[in-house]
Amino acid sequence: MTLSGILPGCILLSCQDPEQIKRDQYFTEGNQLYLTHCANCHQPDGKGLADLYPPVIPSEVSKERFFCVVKNGLSGEIEVNGKKYNRSMPANPKLTDLDIAAIATYVYNAWGEDSTYVRLDRVRESLTECGK
């Protein structure tokens, strides 16, 4: 095969939209982070665990709230789909803002209606606000 036979394919592959590339990177990393930090309770499919841990339903919570809960945890009773849960969610202080952006990208793309990535500046701004 000659270089001219390879070149058109290489050019096509390098012309991917940078936003789509970033979304794919965040999604892939977010999947791994979700499996490591969230799936034990919320399950790999995001459906929760019986009456103990609620499902992850992106349409029921704003991204800003999601960022804060992932970082800072949650205690007290919550209601999801008419079902009440009263288990505390521990804080995840070791997760970086970028980790949270990746997890949110995964969750909102896998089980929500998003098709873009969560921008790091949005996570940072929200985490600053949720402490107030």
Protein backbone atom coordinates (compact mmCIF):
# COMPACT_ATOMS: atom_id res chain seq x y z
CA MET A 1 0.00 0.00 0.00
CA THR A 2 1.31 3.42 -0.86
CA LEU A 3 1.33 6.45 1.38
CA SER A 4 -1.30 8.06 -0.84
CA GLY A 5 -3.63 5.12 -0.03
CA ILE A 6 -3.20 5.65 3.69
CA LEU A 7 -3.29 9.44 3.78
CA PRO A 8 -7.00 10.03 2.99
CA GLY A 9 -8.07 7.74 5.87
CA CYS A 10 -5.71 9.46 8.28
CA ILE A 11 -7.03 12.86 7.32
CA LEU A 12 -10.61 11.77 7.81
CA LEU A 13 -9.89 10.38 11.27
CA SER A 14 -8.08 13.50 12.38
CA CYS A 15 -11.00 15.70 11.38
CA GLN A 16 -13.20 14.61 14.26
CA ASP A 17 -14.94 17.39 16.11
CA PRO A 18 -12.83 18.38 19.15
CA GLU A 19 -15.97 18.66 21.29
CA GLN A 20 -16.94 15.08 20.40
CA ILE A 21 -13.43 13.85 21.17
CA LYS A 22 -13.54 15.53 24.59
CA ARG A 23 -17.03 14.12 25.25
CA ASP A 24 -15.78 10.62 24.41
CA GLN A 25 -12.76 11.05 26.70
CA TYR A 26 -14.90 12.31 29.60
CA PHE A 27 -17.47 9.57 29.02
CA THR A 28 -14.88 6.79 29.05
CA GLU A 29 -13.09 8.14 32.12
CA GLY A 30 -16.41 8.84 33.82
CA ASN A 31 -17.52 5.26 33.27
CA GLN A 32 -14.41 3.95 35.04
CA LEU A 33 -14.78 6.46 37.88
CA TYR A 34 -18.47 5.61 38.25
CA LEU A 35 -17.66 1.90 38.46
CA THR A 36 -14.98 2.60 41.08
CA HIS A 37 -16.78 5.13 43.27
CA CYS A 38 -20.53 4.81 42.66
CA ALA A 39 -21.53 1.41 41.30
CA ASN A 40 -21.13 -0.47 44.58
CA CYS A 41 -24.26 1.22 45.90
CA HIS A 42 -26.02 2.55 42.79
CA GLN A 43 -25.11 -0.54 40.73
CA PRO A 44 -23.33 -0.65 37.35
CA ASP A 45 -26.62 0.01 35.54
CA GLY A 46 -27.49 2.98 37.78
CA LYS A 47 -30.71 1.33 38.99
CA GLY A 48 -29.82 1.35 42.68
CA LEU A 49 -29.93 -1.48 45.17
CA ALA A 50 -33.36 -2.68 46.33
CA ASP A 51 -34.67 -0.50 49.14
CA LEU A 52 -31.21 0.58 50.26
CA TYR A 53 -29.75 2.88 47.60
CA PRO A 54 -31.67 4.95 45.07
CA PRO A 55 -31.28 4.76 41.32
CA VAL A 56 -29.28 7.41 39.50
CA ILE A 57 -31.85 9.34 37.49
CA PRO A 58 -30.28 12.40 35.86
CA SER A 59 -33.63 13.91 34.88
CA GLU A 60 -34.60 14.29 38.53
CA VAL A 61 -31.62 16.35 39.66
CA SER A 62 -29.85 19.36 38.24
CA LYS A 63 -26.22 18.98 37.30
CA GLU A 64 -25.29 21.59 39.91
CA ARG A 65 -26.96 19.52 42.62
CA PHE A 66 -25.38 16.34 41.24
CA PHE A 67 -21.88 17.87 41.48
CA CYS A 68 -22.46 18.93 45.08
CA VAL A 69 -23.86 15.57 46.17
CA VAL A 70 -21.04 13.61 44.53
CA LYS A 71 -18.41 15.80 46.21
CA ASN A 72 -20.04 16.48 49.59
CA GLY A 73 -22.33 13.51 50.10
CA LEU A 74 -25.92 13.56 51.33
CA SER A 75 -27.70 12.63 54.51
CA GLY A 76 -31.33 12.41 55.48
CA GLU A 77 -34.31 11.08 53.63
CA ILE A 78 -34.68 11.55 49.90
CA GLU A 79 -37.46 10.54 47.55
CA VAL A 80 -36.83 9.12 44.07
CA ASN A 81 -39.72 8.03 41.84
CA GLY A 82 -42.09 8.15 44.81
CA LYS A 83 -39.88 5.84 46.86
CA LYS A 84 -38.14 7.03 50.04
CA TYR A 85 -34.54 6.26 50.90
CA ASN A 86 -32.86 7.06 54.18
CA ARG A 87 -29.24 6.01 53.70
CA SER A 88 -26.46 8.53 53.86
CA MET A 89 -24.19 8.95 50.88
CA PRO A 90 -20.61 9.57 51.94
CA ALA A 91 -18.67 12.55 50.67
CA ASN A 92 -15.99 11.97 48.04
CA PRO A 93 -13.43 14.63 48.93
CA LYS A 94 -10.66 12.86 46.99
CA LEU A 95 -12.49 13.22 43.68
CA THR A 96 -11.14 16.12 41.69
CA ASP A 97 -13.34 18.61 39.88
CA LEU A 98 -12.29 16.91 36.64
CA ASP A 99 -13.30 13.51 38.06
CA ILE A 100 -16.74 14.90 38.91
CA ALA A 101 -17.07 16.41 35.42
CA ALA A 102 -16.24 13.00 33.92
CA ILE A 103 -18.68 11.12 36.18
CA ALA A 104 -21.44 13.63 35.38
CA THR A 105 -20.70 13.34 31.67
CA TYR A 106 -21.01 9.57 31.90
CA VAL A 107 -24.21 9.60 33.98
CA TYR A 108 -26.00 12.30 32.00
CA ASN A 109 -25.03 10.72 28.67
CA ALA A 110 -25.65 7.09 29.66
CA TRP A 111 -28.97 7.56 31.48
CA GLY A 112 -30.00 11.10 30.66
CA GLU A 113 -30.61 12.99 27.48
CA ASP A 114 -27.24 14.70 27.10
CA SER A 115 -24.84 14.21 24.24
CA THR A 116 -22.14 16.65 25.31
CA TYR A 117 -19.53 16.70 28.04
CA VAL A 118 -19.77 18.56 31.34
CA ARG A 119 -17.40 21.50 31.31
CA LEU A 120 -14.87 21.73 34.10
CA ASP A 121 -15.57 25.42 34.76
CA ARG A 122 -19.25 24.59 35.37
CA VAL A 123 -18.29 22.01 38.00
CA ARG A 124 -15.87 24.41 39.70
CA GLU A 125 -18.43 27.21 39.81
CA SER A 126 -21.14 24.92 41.16
CA LEU A 127 -18.91 23.45 43.85
CA THR A 128 -18.01 26.96 45.00
CA GLU A 129 -21.70 27.84 45.22
CA CYS A 130 -22.88 24.68 46.97
CA GLY A 131 -20.67 25.40 49.95
CA LYS A 132 -22.55 28.64 50.60
